[in-house]
Protein backbone atom coordinates (compact mmCIF):
# COMPACT_ATOMS: atom_id res chain seq x y z
CA MET A 1 20.48 -2.98 -10.19
CA ALA A 2 16.91 -4.19 -9.76
CA LYS A 3 13.82 -3.30 -11.69
CA VAL A 4 10.61 -2.05 -10.10
CA ILE A 5 7.23 -1.80 -11.78
CA LEU A 6 4.94 0.94 -10.47
CA PHE A 7 1.39 -0.15 -11.28
CA ASN A 8 -1.85 1.76 -10.69
CA LYS A 9 -4.11 -1.10 -9.64
CA PRO A 10 -7.74 -0.56 -10.55
CA PHE A 11 -10.67 -1.31 -8.26
CA ARG A 12 -11.56 -5.01 -8.01
CA VAL A 13 -8.30 -6.36 -9.42
CA LEU A 14 -6.30 -8.95 -7.46
CA SER A 15 -2.68 -8.22 -6.51
CA GLN A 16 -1.57 -11.49 -8.12
CA PHE A 17 -1.23 -12.99 -11.59
CA SER A 18 -3.81 -15.80 -11.43
CA ASP A 19 -7.19 -16.57 -9.90
CA THR A 20 -9.37 -19.68 -9.82
CA GLU A 21 -12.58 -17.65 -9.57
CA GLY A 22 -12.30 -15.70 -12.81
CA ARG A 23 -11.61 -12.30 -11.23
CA GLU A 24 -9.34 -9.75 -12.89
CA THR A 25 -5.66 -10.09 -11.97
CA LEU A 26 -2.38 -8.35 -12.75
CA ALA A 27 -2.07 -10.59 -15.82
CA ASP A 28 -4.98 -8.69 -17.41
CA TYR A 29 -2.83 -5.54 -17.43
CA LEU A 30 0.84 -6.49 -17.68
CA SER A 31 3.22 -9.31 -18.55
CA ALA A 32 6.02 -9.51 -16.00
CA PRO A 33 7.58 -12.96 -15.73
CA GLY A 34 9.98 -13.12 -12.80
CA TYR A 35 8.31 -10.22 -10.95
CA ARG A 36 6.52 -10.48 -7.63
CA ALA A 37 4.36 -7.96 -5.81
CA ALA A 38 6.14 -6.22 -2.94
CA GLY A 39 3.24 -6.18 -0.50
CA ARG A 40 -0.45 -6.34 -1.21
CA LEU A 41 -3.30 -4.04 -2.07
CA ASP A 42 -6.80 -5.30 -1.31
CA TYR A 43 -9.15 -6.34 -4.11
CA ASP A 44 -11.49 -3.42 -3.31
CA SER A 45 -8.67 -0.84 -2.95
CA GLU A 46 -6.97 1.11 -5.73
CA GLY A 47 -3.67 2.71 -6.46
CA LEU A 48 0.04 2.05 -6.20
CA LEU A 49 1.28 -1.52 -6.24
CA LEU A 50 5.01 -2.23 -6.57
CA LEU A 51 6.44 -5.30 -8.26
CA THR A 52 10.10 -6.21 -8.47
CA ASP A 53 12.38 -8.88 -9.92
CA ASN A 54 14.69 -8.72 -6.87
CA GLY A 55 13.90 -10.78 -3.76
CA SER A 56 15.95 -8.63 -1.37
CA LEU A 57 14.26 -5.45 -2.56
CA GLN A 58 10.87 -7.11 -2.32
CA GLN A 59 11.55 -7.83 1.37
CA GLN A 60 12.81 -4.29 2.01
CA ILE A 61 9.59 -2.85 0.59
CA ALA A 62 7.07 -5.35 1.94
CA ASN A 63 8.39 -6.30 5.37
CA PRO A 64 6.70 -4.16 8.06
CA LYS A 65 9.90 -4.10 10.13
CA HIS A 66 11.37 -1.64 7.61
CA LYS A 67 8.44 0.72 8.36
CA GLN A 68 8.04 2.19 4.89
CA TRP A 69 5.50 5.03 4.94
CA LYS A 70 2.46 4.23 2.80
CA THR A 71 0.19 7.15 1.97
CA TYR A 72 -3.50 6.76 1.16
CA LEU A 73 -6.30 8.99 -0.06
CA VAL A 74 -9.34 7.93 1.93
CA GLN A 75 -12.98 8.82 1.29
CA VAL A 76 -15.04 8.23 4.42
CA GLU A 77 -18.70 8.37 5.30
CA GLY A 78 -19.41 11.50 7.34
CA GLU A 79 -17.49 14.72 7.93
CA ILE A 80 -14.20 13.63 9.47
CA SER A 81 -13.70 15.41 12.80
CA ASP A 82 -10.61 17.00 14.33
CA ASP A 83 -10.86 14.54 17.23
CA ALA A 84 -10.82 11.60 14.81
CA LEU A 85 -7.79 13.00 12.97
CA THR A 86 -5.96 13.45 16.28
CA ALA A 87 -6.80 9.90 17.34
CA LEU A 88 -5.64 8.49 14.00
CA SER A 89 -2.37 10.42 14.37
CA GLU A 90 -1.76 9.09 17.88
CA GLY A 91 -2.71 5.45 17.24
CA VAL A 92 -6.04 3.62 17.23
CA ALA A 93 -7.05 0.66 19.42
CA LEU A 94 -7.77 -2.29 17.11
CA LYS A 95 -8.59 -5.92 17.88
CA ASP A 96 -4.99 -6.94 17.16
CA GLY A 97 -3.47 -4.09 19.21
CA SER A 98 -3.06 -0.35 18.85
CA SER A 99 -1.83 1.02 15.54
CA LEU A 100 1.39 3.00 15.43
CA PRO A 101 1.09 6.79 15.26
CA ALA A 102 0.09 7.82 11.73
CA ARG A 103 0.00 11.03 9.72
CA ALA A 104 -3.58 12.16 9.17
CA ARG A 105 -4.98 15.34 7.67
CA ARG A 106 -8.23 16.49 6.13
CA ILE A 107 -8.07 17.27 2.40
CA ILE A 108 -10.46 18.62 -0.20
CA SER A 109 -11.94 16.14 -2.67
CA PRO A 110 -8.95 15.14 -4.85
CA ASP A 111 -8.91 15.45 -8.61
CA ILE A 112 -8.80 11.74 -9.44
CA TRP A 113 -10.24 9.26 -11.91
CA PRO A 114 -13.83 8.04 -11.51
CA ARG A 115 -14.28 4.62 -9.99
CA HIS A 116 -16.20 1.86 -11.81
CA PRO A 117 -18.64 1.13 -10.33
CA PRO A 118 -18.88 4.48 -8.52
CA VAL A 119 -19.19 4.83 -4.76
CA ARG A 120 -22.87 4.75 -3.81
CA GLU A 121 -24.04 8.26 -2.91
CA ARG A 122 -26.40 8.88 -0.02
CA LYS A 123 -27.87 12.36 -0.12
CA SER A 124 -28.70 12.26 3.58
CA VAL A 125 -25.14 11.30 4.60
CA PRO A 126 -22.16 13.53 3.70
CA ASP A 127 -18.71 12.20 2.95
CA SER A 128 -15.22 13.64 3.27
CA TRP A 129 -11.61 12.92 2.35
CA LEU A 130 -8.44 12.57 4.34
CA GLU A 131 -4.83 11.72 3.60
CA LEU A 132 -3.54 8.98 5.89
CA ALA A 133 0.02 7.64 6.03
CA ILE A 134 0.90 4.51 8.02
CA ARG A 135 4.06 2.48 8.60
CA GLU A 136 2.46 -0.90 9.15
CA GLY A 137 0.98 -3.59 6.94
CA ARG A 138 -1.88 -5.16 8.86
CA ASN A 139 -4.82 -6.65 7.01
CA ARG A 140 -7.28 -3.94 5.91
CA GLN A 141 -5.70 -1.61 8.44
CA VAL A 142 -6.78 1.76 7.06
CA ARG A 143 -10.40 0.61 6.79
CA ARG A 144 -10.33 -0.70 10.36
CA MET A 145 -8.75 2.50 11.67
CA THR A 146 -11.37 4.83 10.16
CA ALA A 147 -14.21 2.48 11.16
CA ALA A 148 -12.94 2.51 14.76
CA MET A 149 -13.35 6.29 14.69
CA GLY A 150 -16.93 6.01 13.39
CA PHE A 151 -16.08 6.94 9.78
CA PRO A 152 -16.38 3.89 7.48
CA THR A 153 -14.13 3.96 4.42
CA LEU A 154 -15.98 4.32 1.13
CA ARG A 155 -12.98 4.50 -1.22
CA LEU A 156 -9.31 3.81 -0.63
CA ILE A 157 -6.45 4.78 -2.97
CA ARG A 158 -2.80 4.18 -2.16
CA ARG A 159 -0.92 7.17 -3.52
CA GLN A 160 2.64 6.57 -2.36
CA ILE A 161 5.04 3.97 -0.89
CA GLY A 162 8.27 5.49 0.43
CA ASP A 163 9.58 7.72 -2.36
CA TRP A 164 7.54 6.01 -5.11
CA ASP A 165 4.22 7.53 -6.14
CA LEU A 166 1.41 7.31 -8.68
CA ALA A 167 2.29 10.48 -10.59
CA GLY A 168 1.24 10.25 -14.23
CA LEU A 169 -0.31 6.78 -14.03
CA ALA A 170 -3.97 6.21 -14.89
CA PRO A 171 -5.70 3.06 -13.58
CA GLY A 172 -4.24 0.00 -15.29
CA GLU A 173 -1.09 1.85 -16.39
CA PHE A 174 2.45 1.13 -15.21
CA ARG A 175 6.05 2.21 -15.64
CA THR A 176 9.32 0.39 -14.97
CA ILE A 177 12.29 1.97 -13.22
CA ASP A 178 15.80 0.84 -12.29
CA VAL A 179 16.63 0.81 -8.57
CA HIS A 180 20.05 0.45 -6.98
CA VAL A 181 19.97 -2.22 -4.28
CA ALA A 182 22.51 -1.68 -1.52
CA GLN A 183 24.60 -4.71 -0.66
CA SER A 184 24.15 -6.14 2.80
CA THR A 185 26.54 -4.59 5.34
CA LYS A 186 26.10 -7.48 7.75
CA PRO A 187 29.61 -8.56 8.83
CA ARG A 188 30.67 -12.04 7.90
CA ARG A 189 31.60 -14.48 10.63
CA PRO A 190 35.29 -15.22 10.59
CA ARG A 191 36.06 -18.70 9.34
CA PRO A 192 37.86 -20.91 11.83
CA PRO A 193 41.42 -21.69 10.87
CA SER A 194 41.73 -24.89 8.92
CA ARG A 195 43.63 -27.72 10.52
CA ARG A 196 45.97 -29.65 8.38
CA ARG A 197 46.75 -33.20 9.14
CA ARG A 198 50.41 -34.00 9.27
């Protein structure tokens, strides 16, 4: 059994336990010796961050080759169009290559906690929300995808990773769960027969 901490990372908190520049870190919210973050969440993003005390599980969660779905609530500048949602779903051309097909849908403004500081409002420019799920882990990928469609991201909240979600967690809160880690099924190489000297 391994333990996993589900943490609702607030805005402008680093996904690590120390910082040389005096910024807020995970250590300001929880004490978890022996735990490491399974993947990252940008300083200016919010929401679900997973930490575990098991190295194999950390790799299963964080390594992009396992293609865990990560679901985000995304507030963008402008009224997101059907064409943009279709393009996001099919894959977007980025500087480091096209993104994999995603799941994208328009949503009404979600009932979530206020951000501190709040997103700057511009009365002349509307905003809208979408739910976007991706299976990759490129640097600032969601922000780059929406920007490529002409809809800059204003606020980004990770709601879910695989089957784990934020349910019941306010910013800065966490809960710990036990997770069964399957043993590797990789076959062992047969050992060559030993030779005895006579």
